[in-house]
Amino acid sequence: MPRKESSHISLNLTTLPAPPPSHQSPKKKKYRKYLTSLSKPFIIKKLFNSNSDIFREVIYTMATNRNLRFKTSRRFGVNVYGHPKALKRQVADAHQKKQSEYGIQLAEKQKVKAMYNLLEKQFYRYYDKAKRMSGVVGENLLSLLETRLDNLVYRAGFARSIRQARQMVTHGLINVDGKRVDIPSYPVRPGQVISLREAYRANEMFKQSFQELKTFDLPYIEKSFDNWTATLTRFPQRDELPYKDEVNETNIVELYSK
């Protein structure tokens, strides 16, 4: 019976070369390295049946956050993904184990990573950059994260969640200063104008999200509902962030400083 793959896994049976004959097969480590060099930028998991000539490669797309949204939100007690039902099953008097200092710091880092939908390697790059900037490291880190393009698309109200905002950017729905930008991590500078491309403004979902819901009202983002634009007027201050009472960035800095 063939192995059943989960829905987010795609099989690639044609683009990769066939394995060498059994009498010429290199060692496992060497062959894995050979396959990896052919298939970048993918992570490869090899499924090989040694009793036959069947050879399959299951390819996972890199930098994709597959964490369960509601479970993650309940874990931190914060609606990190912005979904209205994320905390619906949260038990108010749930007993939690006493955490160590390291556990508290680690949980804080994971919470902020979930808020911005980032993986560890991406997140650490922002910390490293914030450390080399002048000023308070923790505040620099949050400012860099807050001015990512996908996050500002979410804060402006074009998208209802950070995941939807990331998808809108990668699919080319967003312009910055009139030019299409499809890089979610693009650092938006003060004065730059973010807009939804004109072809998508008639979409009822975007209309309701941007012009009716009006989720965030932040002092560093100036919106024009008639022109479908949002302008970053300046870098955000720490006490202006929408989660100012839910995040302690000092724990993150202390964790990485160990």
C-alpha atoms as a PDB file:
ATOM      1  CA  MET A   1       0.000   0.000   0.000  1.00  0.00           C
ATOM      2  CA  PRO A   2       1.514   3.410  -0.939  1.00  0.00           C
ATOM      3  CA  ARG A   3       2.393   5.834   1.824  1.00  0.00           C
ATOM      4  CA  LYS A   4      -0.199   8.568   2.328  1.00  0.00           C
ATOM      5  CA  GLU A   5       1.280  12.054   2.390  1.00  0.00           C
ATOM      6  CA  SER A   6      -0.186  15.036   4.251  1.00  0.00           C
ATOM      7  CA  SER A   7      -1.825  17.843   2.300  1.00  0.00           C
ATOM      8  CA  HIS A   8       1.061  20.332   2.571  1.00  0.00           C
ATOM      9  CA  ILE A   9       3.607  17.954   1.067  1.00  0.00           C
ATOM     10  CA  SER A  10       4.162  17.894  -2.667  1.00  0.00           C
ATOM     11  CA  LEU A  11       5.728  14.963  -4.467  1.00  0.00           C
ATOM     12  CA  ASN A  12       8.260  15.697  -7.128  1.00  0.00           C
ATOM     13  CA  LEU A  13       8.814  12.620  -9.274  1.00  0.00           C
ATOM     14  CA  THR A  14      10.024  14.180 -12.521  1.00  0.00           C
ATOM     15  CA  THR A  15      12.465  17.004 -11.895  1.00  0.00           C
ATOM     16  CA  LEU A  16      14.995  15.058  -9.823  1.00  0.00           C
ATOM     17  CA  PRO A  17      17.252  12.543 -11.555  1.00  0.00           C
ATOM     18  CA  ALA A  18      16.717   8.831 -11.100  1.00  0.00           C
ATOM     19  CA  PRO A  19      18.942   7.134  -8.530  1.00  0.00           C
ATOM     20  CA  PRO A  20      22.060   5.409  -9.749  1.00  0.00           C
ATOM     21  CA  PRO A  21      21.937   1.636 -10.207  1.00  0.00           C
ATOM     22  CA  SER A  22      22.329  -0.370  -7.016  1.00  0.00           C
ATOM     23  CA  HIS A  23      25.850  -1.553  -7.899  1.00  0.00           C
ATOM     24  CA  GLN A  24      26.974   2.085  -8.289  1.00  0.00           C
ATOM     25  CA  SER A  25      25.140   3.614  -5.282  1.00  0.00           C
ATOM     26  CA  PRO A  26      27.346   5.953  -3.211  1.00  0.00           C
ATOM     27  CA  LYS A  27      27.208   6.019   0.557  1.00  0.00           C
ATOM     28  CA  LYS A  28      24.073   7.419   2.154  1.00  0.00           C
ATOM     29  CA  LYS A  29      25.661  10.630   3.468  1.00  0.00           C
ATOM     30  CA  LYS A  30      27.367  11.424   0.190  1.00  0.00           C
ATOM     31  CA  TYR A  31      24.209  10.801  -1.815  1.00  0.00           C
ATOM     32  CA  ARG A  32      22.098  12.952   0.510  1.00  0.00           C
ATOM     33  CA  LYS A  33      24.572  15.801   0.026  1.00  0.00           C
ATOM     34  CA  TYR A  34      24.389  15.273  -3.742  1.00  0.00           C
ATOM     35  CA  LEU A  35      20.583  15.498  -3.708  1.00  0.00           C
ATOM     36  CA  THR A  36      20.587  18.592  -1.526  1.00  0.00           C
ATOM     37  CA  SER A  37      22.889  20.408  -3.940  1.00  0.00           C
ATOM     38  CA  LEU A  38      20.461  19.665  -6.786  1.00  0.00           C
ATOM     39  CA  SER A  39      17.293  20.790  -5.060  1.00  0.00           C
ATOM     40  CA  LYS A  40      18.080  24.021  -3.245  1.00  0.00           C
ATOM     41  CA  PRO A  41      16.263  25.997  -1.857  1.00  0.00           C
ATOM     42  CA  PHE A  42      14.281  23.056  -0.506  1.00  0.00           C
ATOM     43  CA  ILE A  43      14.640  20.801   2.519  1.00  0.00           C
ATOM     44  CA  ILE A  44      14.690  17.185   1.394  1.00  0.00           C
ATOM     45  CA  LYS A  45      13.444  14.148   3.199  1.00  0.00           C
ATOM     46  CA  LYS A  46      14.348  10.913   1.474  1.00  0.00           C
ATOM     47  CA  LEU A  47      12.009   7.956   1.296  1.00  0.00           C
ATOM     48  CA  PHE A  48      13.791   4.991  -0.245  1.00  0.00           C
ATOM     49  CA  ASN A  49      12.687   1.384  -0.577  1.00  0.00           C
ATOM     50  CA  SER A  50      15.884  -0.671  -0.724  1.00  0.00           C
ATOM     51  CA  ASN A  51      14.043  -3.735  -2.042  1.00  0.00           C
ATOM     52  CA  SER A  52      12.985  -2.094  -5.276  1.00  0.00           C
ATOM     53  CA  ASP A  53      13.880   0.658  -7.689  1.00  0.00           C
ATOM     54  CA  ILE A  54      11.221   2.989  -6.298  1.00  0.00           C
ATOM     55  CA  PHE A  55      12.750   6.293  -5.306  1.00  0.00           C
ATOM     56  CA  ARG A  56      10.718   9.255  -4.115  1.00  0.00           C
ATOM     57  CA  GLU A  57      11.582  12.718  -2.900  1.00  0.00           C
ATOM     58  CA  VAL A  58       9.224  14.577  -0.614  1.00  0.00           C
ATOM     59  CA  ILE A  59       9.987  18.270  -0.760  1.00  0.00           C
ATOM     60  CA  TYR A  60       9.018  20.735   1.956  1.00  0.00           C
ATOM     61  CA  THR A  61       8.975  24.449   1.184  1.00  0.00           C
ATOM     62  CA  MET A  62      11.367  26.419   3.382  1.00  0.00           C
ATOM     63  CA  ALA A  63      10.428  29.151   5.884  1.00  0.00           C
ATOM     64  CA  THR A  64       6.792  28.173   6.275  1.00  0.00           C
ATOM     65  CA  ASN A  65       5.234  28.382   9.725  1.00  0.00           C
ATOM     66  CA  ARG A  66       2.941  25.366  10.193  1.00  0.00           C
ATOM     67  CA  ASN A  67       2.123  25.922  13.876  1.00  0.00           C
ATOM     68  CA  LEU A  68      -1.498  25.582  14.972  1.00  0.00           C
ATOM     69  CA  ARG A  69      -2.838  29.120  15.359  1.00  0.00           C
ATOM     70  CA  PHE A  70      -5.481  28.625  18.043  1.00  0.00           C
ATOM     71  CA  LYS A  71      -3.345  26.301  20.138  1.00  0.00           C
ATOM     72  CA  THR A  72      -0.429  28.745  20.001  1.00  0.00           C
ATOM     73  CA  SER A  73      -2.685  31.638  21.039  1.00  0.00           C
ATOM     74  CA  ARG A  74      -4.109  29.687  23.984  1.00  0.00           C
ATOM     75  CA  ARG A  75      -0.614  28.678  25.036  1.00  0.00           C
ATOM     76  CA  PHE A  76       0.511  32.293  25.407  1.00  0.00           C
ATOM     77  CA  GLY A  77      -2.878  33.641  26.489  1.00  0.00           C
ATOM     78  CA  VAL A  78      -2.633  36.262  23.734  1.00  0.00           C
ATOM     79  CA  ASN A  79      -4.405  36.403  20.384  1.00  0.00           C
ATOM     80  CA  VAL A  80      -1.129  36.403  18.468  1.00  0.00           C
ATOM     81  CA  TYR A  81      -2.705  35.714  15.050  1.00  0.00           C
ATOM     82  CA  GLY A  82      -5.603  38.166  15.260  1.00  0.00           C
ATOM     83  CA  HIS A  83      -8.336  35.583  14.710  1.00  0.00           C
ATOM     84  CA  PRO A  84     -11.596  36.433  16.564  1.00  0.00           C
ATOM     85  CA  LYS A  85     -12.066  32.837  17.764  1.00  0.00           C
ATOM     86  CA  ALA A  86      -8.476  32.123  18.755  1.00  0.00           C
ATOM     87  CA  LEU A  87      -9.112  32.336  22.520  1.00  0.00           C
ATOM     88  CA  LYS A  88     -12.676  31.036  22.494  1.00  0.00           C
ATOM     89  CA  ARG A  89     -11.739  27.771  24.237  1.00  0.00           C
ATOM     90  CA  GLN A  90      -9.262  29.372  26.635  1.00  0.00           C
ATOM     91  CA  VAL A  91      -9.853  28.133  30.189  1.00  0.00           C
ATOM     92  CA  ALA A  92      -9.641  31.059  32.592  1.00  0.00           C
ATOM     93  CA  ASP A  93      -8.489  29.093  35.644  1.00  0.00           C
ATOM     94  CA  ALA A  94      -6.219  26.640  33.823  1.00  0.00           C
ATOM     95  CA  HIS A  95      -3.419  25.396  36.083  1.00  0.00           C
ATOM     96  CA  GLN A  96       0.010  26.144  34.671  1.00  0.00           C
ATOM     97  CA  LYS A  97       3.313  24.787  35.868  1.00  0.00           C
ATOM     98  CA  LYS A  98       5.743  27.181  37.477  1.00  0.00           C
ATOM     99  CA  GLN A  99       8.246  28.265  34.845  1.00  0.00           C
ATOM    100  CA  SER A 100      11.941  28.820  35.332  1.00  0.00           C
ATOM    101  CA  GLU A 101      13.592  32.072  34.344  1.00  0.00           C
ATOM    102  CA  TYR A 102      14.804  30.470  31.128  1.00  0.00           C
ATOM    103  CA  GLY A 103      11.292  29.140  30.404  1.00  0.00           C
ATOM    104  CA  ILE A 104       9.779  32.613  30.798  1.00  0.00           C
ATOM    105  CA  GLN A 105      12.368  34.145  28.471  1.00  0.00           C
ATOM    106  CA  LEU A 106      11.923  31.399  25.889  1.00  0.00           C
ATOM    107  CA  ALA A 107       8.123  31.740  25.946  1.00  0.00           C
ATOM    108  CA  GLU A 108       8.429  35.500  25.409  1.00  0.00           C
ATOM    109  CA  LYS A 109      10.626  34.992  22.370  1.00  0.00           C
ATOM    110  CA  GLN A 110       8.275  32.390  20.908  1.00  0.00           C
ATOM    111  CA  LYS A 111       5.296  34.668  21.470  1.00  0.00           C
ATOM    112  CA  VAL A 112       6.846  37.571  19.556  1.00  0.00           C
ATOM    113  CA  LYS A 113       7.965  35.201  16.775  1.00  0.00           C
ATOM    114  CA  ALA A 114       4.358  34.011  16.458  1.00  0.00           C
ATOM    115  CA  MET A 115       3.030  37.573  16.402  1.00  0.00           C
ATOM    116  CA  TYR A 116       5.155  38.406  13.378  1.00  0.00           C
ATOM    117  CA  ASN A 117       4.942  34.901  11.834  1.00  0.00           C
ATOM    118  CA  LEU A 118       8.721  34.408  11.793  1.00  0.00           C
ATOM    119  CA  LEU A 119      11.015  31.432  12.180  1.00  0.00           C
ATOM    120  CA  GLU A 120      14.069  31.351  14.431  1.00  0.00           C
ATOM    121  CA  LYS A 121      16.705  32.192  11.838  1.00  0.00           C
ATOM    122  CA  GLN A 122      14.754  35.199  10.567  1.00  0.00           C
ATOM    123  CA  PHE A 123      14.031  36.406  14.082  1.00  0.00           C
ATOM    124  CA  TYR A 124      17.658  36.175  15.188  1.00  0.00           C
ATOM    125  CA  ARG A 125      18.762  38.297  12.219  1.00  0.00           C
ATOM    126  CA  TYR A 126      16.546  41.108  13.496  1.00  0.00           C
ATOM    127  CA  TYR A 127      17.996  40.773  16.987  1.00  0.00           C
ATOM    128  CA  ASP A 128      21.532  40.871  15.591  1.00  0.00           C
ATOM    129  CA  LYS A 129      20.715  44.005  13.604  1.00  0.00           C
ATOM    130  CA  ALA A 130      19.012  45.652  16.603  1.00  0.00           C
ATOM    131  CA  LYS A 131      22.069  44.933  18.745  1.00  0.00           C
ATOM    132  CA  ARG A 132      24.301  46.853  16.330  1.00  0.00           C
ATOM    133  CA  MET A 133      21.996  49.903  16.266  1.00  0.00           C
ATOM    134  CA  SER A 134      22.207  52.786  18.704  1.00  0.00           C
ATOM    135  CA  GLY A 135      19.605  52.909  21.455  1.00  0.00           C
ATOM    136  CA  VAL A 136      17.834  50.230  23.498  1.00  0.00           C
ATOM    137  CA  VAL A 137      18.212  46.803  21.889  1.00  0.00           C
ATOM    138  CA  GLY A 138      14.728  45.545  22.788  1.00  0.00           C
ATOM    139  CA  GLU A 139      12.980  48.635  21.456  1.00  0.00           C
ATOM    140  CA  ASN A 140      15.098  48.545  18.294  1.00  0.00           C
ATOM    141  CA  LEU A 141      14.067  44.919  17.770  1.00  0.00           C
ATOM    142  CA  LEU A 142      10.348  45.666  18.058  1.00  0.00           C
ATOM    143  CA  SER A 143      10.679  48.703  15.779  1.00  0.00           C
ATOM    144  CA  LEU A 144      12.390  46.625  13.072  1.00  0.00           C
ATOM    145  CA  LEU A 145       9.723  43.933  13.308  1.00  0.00           C
ATOM    146  CA  GLU A 146       6.859  46.423  13.295  1.00  0.00           C
ATOM    147  CA  THR A 147       8.057  48.111  10.086  1.00  0.00           C
ATOM    148  CA  ARG A 148       8.179  44.919   8.024  1.00  0.00           C
ATOM    149  CA  LEU A 149       5.989  45.270   4.951  1.00  0.00           C
ATOM    150  CA  ASP A 150       3.736  42.297   5.712  1.00  0.00           C
ATOM    151  CA  ASN A 151       3.151  43.557   9.257  1.00  0.00           C
ATOM    152  CA  LEU A 152       2.236  47.068   8.093  1.00  0.00           C
ATOM    153  CA  VAL A 153      -0.182  45.592   5.544  1.00  0.00           C
ATOM    154  CA  TYR A 154      -1.841  43.864   8.502  1.00  0.00           C
ATOM    155  CA  ARG A 155      -1.746  46.948  10.756  1.00  0.00           C
ATOM    156  CA  ALA A 156      -3.168  49.134   7.975  1.00  0.00           C
ATOM    157  CA  GLY A 157      -6.171  46.820   7.690  1.00  0.00           C
ATOM    158  CA  PHE A 158      -5.652  45.451   4.185  1.00  0.00           C
ATOM    159  CA  ALA A 159      -5.506  41.953   5.714  1.00  0.00           C
ATOM    160  CA  ARG A 160      -7.281  40.393   8.677  1.00  0.00           C
ATOM    161  CA  SER A 161      -4.288  38.421   9.913  1.00  0.00           C
ATOM    162  CA  ILE A 162      -0.512  38.464   9.618  1.00  0.00           C
ATOM    163  CA  ARG A 163      -0.616  35.265   7.553  1.00  0.00           C
ATOM    164  CA  GLN A 164      -3.057  36.773   5.083  1.00  0.00           C
ATOM    165  CA  ALA A 165      -0.905  39.903   4.876  1.00  0.00           C
ATOM    166  CA  ARG A 166       2.171  37.823   4.047  1.00  0.00           C
ATOM    167  CA  GLN A 167       0.263  35.995   1.337  1.00  0.00           C
ATOM    168  CA  MET A 168      -0.998  39.266  -0.174  1.00  0.00           C
ATOM    169  CA  VAL A 169       2.558  40.586  -0.402  1.00  0.00           C
ATOM    170  CA  THR A 170       4.042  37.434  -1.921  1.00  0.00           C
ATOM    171  CA  HIS A 171       1.216  37.266  -4.486  1.00  0.00           C
ATOM    172  CA  GLY A 172       1.966  40.807  -5.658  1.00  0.00           C
ATOM    173  CA  LEU A 173      -1.173  42.591  -4.408  1.00  0.00           C
ATOM    174  CA  ILE A 174       0.721  45.383  -2.614  1.00  0.00           C
ATOM    175  CA  ASN A 175       2.503  48.470  -3.954  1.00  0.00           C
ATOM    176  CA  VAL A 176       5.057  50.599  -2.118  1.00  0.00           C
ATOM    177  CA  ASP A 177       5.372  54.124  -3.538  1.00  0.00           C
ATOM    178  CA  GLY A 178       3.504  52.944  -6.623  1.00  0.00           C
ATOM    179  CA  LYS A 179       5.776  49.977  -7.343  1.00  0.00           C
ATOM    180  CA  ARG A 180       4.917  46.360  -6.685  1.00  0.00           C
ATOM    181  CA  VAL A 181       6.882  44.769  -3.855  1.00  0.00           C
ATOM    182  CA  ASP A 182       6.539  41.038  -3.190  1.00  0.00           C
ATOM    183  CA  ILE A 183       9.044  40.656  -0.324  1.00  0.00           C
ATOM    184  CA  PRO A 184       7.286  40.315   3.082  1.00  0.00           C
ATOM    185  CA  SER A 185      10.423  41.345   5.002  1.00  0.00           C
ATOM    186  CA  TYR A 186      10.851  44.565   2.993  1.00  0.00           C
ATOM    187  CA  PRO A 187      11.751  47.324   5.535  1.00  0.00           C
ATOM    188  CA  VAL A 188       9.350  50.219   5.113  1.00  0.00           C
ATOM    189  CA  ARG A 189      10.837  53.648   5.792  1.00  0.00           C
ATOM    190  CA  PRO A 190       8.985  56.717   7.125  1.00  0.00           C
ATOM    191  CA  GLY A 191       7.208  58.561   4.328  1.00  0.00           C
ATOM    192  CA  GLN A 192       6.687  55.506   2.136  1.00  0.00           C
ATOM    193  CA  VAL A 193       3.132  54.830   0.965  1.00  0.00           C
ATOM    194  CA  ILE A 194       1.630  51.332   0.973  1.00  0.00           C
ATOM    195  CA  SER A 195      -1.363  50.702  -1.262  1.00  0.00           C
ATOM    196  CA  LEU A 196      -3.520  47.878  -2.531  1.00  0.00           C
ATOM    197  CA  ARG A 197      -3.234  47.456  -6.289  1.00  0.00           C
ATOM    198  CA  GLU A 198      -6.210  48.919  -8.135  1.00  0.00           C
ATOM    199  CA  ALA A 199      -7.254  45.620  -9.729  1.00  0.00           C
ATOM    200  CA  TYR A 200      -8.072  44.166  -6.286  1.00  0.00           C
ATOM    201  CA  ARG A 201      -9.951  47.083  -4.727  1.00  0.00           C
ATOM    202  CA  ALA A 202     -13.337  45.821  -5.900  1.00  0.00           C
ATOM    203  CA  ASN A 203     -12.894  42.615  -3.903  1.00  0.00           C
ATOM    204  CA  GLU A 204     -15.533  42.480  -1.163  1.00  0.00           C
ATOM    205  CA  MET A 205     -13.181  40.859   1.354  1.00  0.00           C
ATOM    206  CA  PHE A 206     -10.633  43.684   1.022  1.00  0.00           C
ATOM    207  CA  LYS A 207     -13.383  46.307   1.092  1.00  0.00           C
ATOM    208  CA  GLN A 208     -14.767  44.989   4.333  1.00  0.00           C
ATOM    209  CA  SER A 209     -11.343  44.557   5.917  1.00  0.00           C
ATOM    210  CA  PHE A 210      -9.911  47.985   5.038  1.00  0.00           C
ATOM    211  CA  GLN A 211     -12.940  50.283   4.882  1.00  0.00           C
ATOM    212  CA  GLU A 212     -15.384  48.758   7.358  1.00  0.00           C
ATOM    213  CA  LEU A 213     -13.568  46.819  10.095  1.00  0.00           C
ATOM    214  CA  LYS A 214     -10.773  49.369  10.704  1.00  0.00           C
ATOM    215  CA  THR A 215      -9.032  47.033  13.156  1.00  0.00           C
ATOM    216  CA  PHE A 216      -6.042  49.204  14.154  1.00  0.00           C
ATOM    217  CA  ASP A 217      -5.841  52.943  14.742  1.00  0.00           C
ATOM    218  CA  LEU A 218      -2.142  53.640  15.227  1.00  0.00           C
ATOM    219  CA  PRO A 219      -0.498  57.096  15.421  1.00  0.00           C
ATOM    220  CA  TYR A 220       2.399  56.150  13.128  1.00  0.00           C
ATOM    221  CA  ILE A 221       0.172  54.964  10.249  1.00  0.00           C
ATOM    222  CA  GLU A 222      -1.864  57.496   8.266  1.00  0.00           C
ATOM    223  CA  LYS A 223      -4.656  55.972   6.185  1.00  0.00           C
ATOM    224  CA  SER A 224      -6.544  57.261   3.178  1.00  0.00           C
ATOM    225  CA  PHE A 225      -9.687  55.192   2.724  1.00  0.00           C
ATOM    226  CA  ASP A 226     -10.582  56.892  -0.557  1.00  0.00           C
ATOM    227  CA  ASN A 227      -7.189  56.189  -2.135  1.00  0.00           C
ATOM    228  CA  TRP A 228      -6.645  52.785  -0.487  1.00  0.00           C
ATOM    229  CA  THR A 229      -3.294  53.868   0.945  1.00  0.00           C
ATOM    230  CA  ALA A 230      -1.465  53.737   4.272  1.00  0.00           C
ATOM    231  CA  THR A 231       1.600  55.875   4.991  1.00  0.00           C
ATOM    232  CA  LEU A 232       4.217  55.154   7.628  1.00  0.00           C
ATOM    233  CA  THR A 233       4.662  58.659   9.032  1.00  0.00           C
ATOM    234  CA  ARG A 234       7.489  57.788  11.462  1.00  0.00           C
ATOM    235  CA  PHE A 235       9.064  54.911  13.318  1.00  0.00           C
ATOM    236  CA  PRO A 236       6.783  53.614  16.107  1.00  0.00           C
ATOM    237  CA  GLN A 237       7.513  54.323  19.759  1.00  0.00           C
ATOM    238  CA  ARG A 238       7.482  51.492  22.294  1.00  0.00           C
ATOM    239  CA  ASP A 239       4.331  52.694  24.085  1.00  0.00           C
ATOM    240  CA  GLU A 240       2.435  53.058  20.788  1.00  0.00           C
ATOM    241  CA  LEU A 241       2.612  49.400  19.782  1.00  0.00           C
ATOM    242  CA  PRO A 242      -0.730  47.537  19.837  1.00  0.00           C
ATOM    243  CA  TYR A 243       0.665  44.846  22.166  1.00  0.00           C
ATOM    244  CA  LYS A 244       2.547  47.230  24.498  1.00  0.00           C
ATOM    245  CA  ASP A 245       1.215  45.549  27.669  1.00  0.00           C
ATOM    246  CA  GLU A 246       1.554  41.959  26.427  1.00  0.00           C
ATOM    247  CA  VAL A 247       5.253  41.782  25.502  1.00  0.00           C
ATOM    248  CA  ASN A 248       8.396  42.110  27.608  1.00  0.00           C
ATOM    249  CA  GLU A 249      11.226  42.455  25.107  1.00  0.00           C
ATOM    250  CA  THR A 250      13.811  42.545  27.895  1.00  0.00           C
ATOM    251  CA  ASN A 251      13.338  38.788  28.353  1.00  0.00           C
ATOM    252  CA  ILE A 252      14.224  38.222  24.696  1.00  0.00           C
ATOM    253  CA  VAL A 253      17.400  40.286  24.940  1.00  0.00           C
ATOM    254  CA  GLU A 254      18.448  38.472  28.124  1.00  0.00           C
ATOM    255  CA  LEU A 255      17.806  35.095  26.491  1.00  0.00           C
ATOM    256  CA  TYR A 256      20.001  35.855  23.480  1.00  0.00           C
ATOM    257  CA  SER A 257      22.674  37.452  25.688  1.00  0.00           C
ATOM    258  CA  LYS A 258      23.384  34.212  27.549  1.00  0.00           C
END
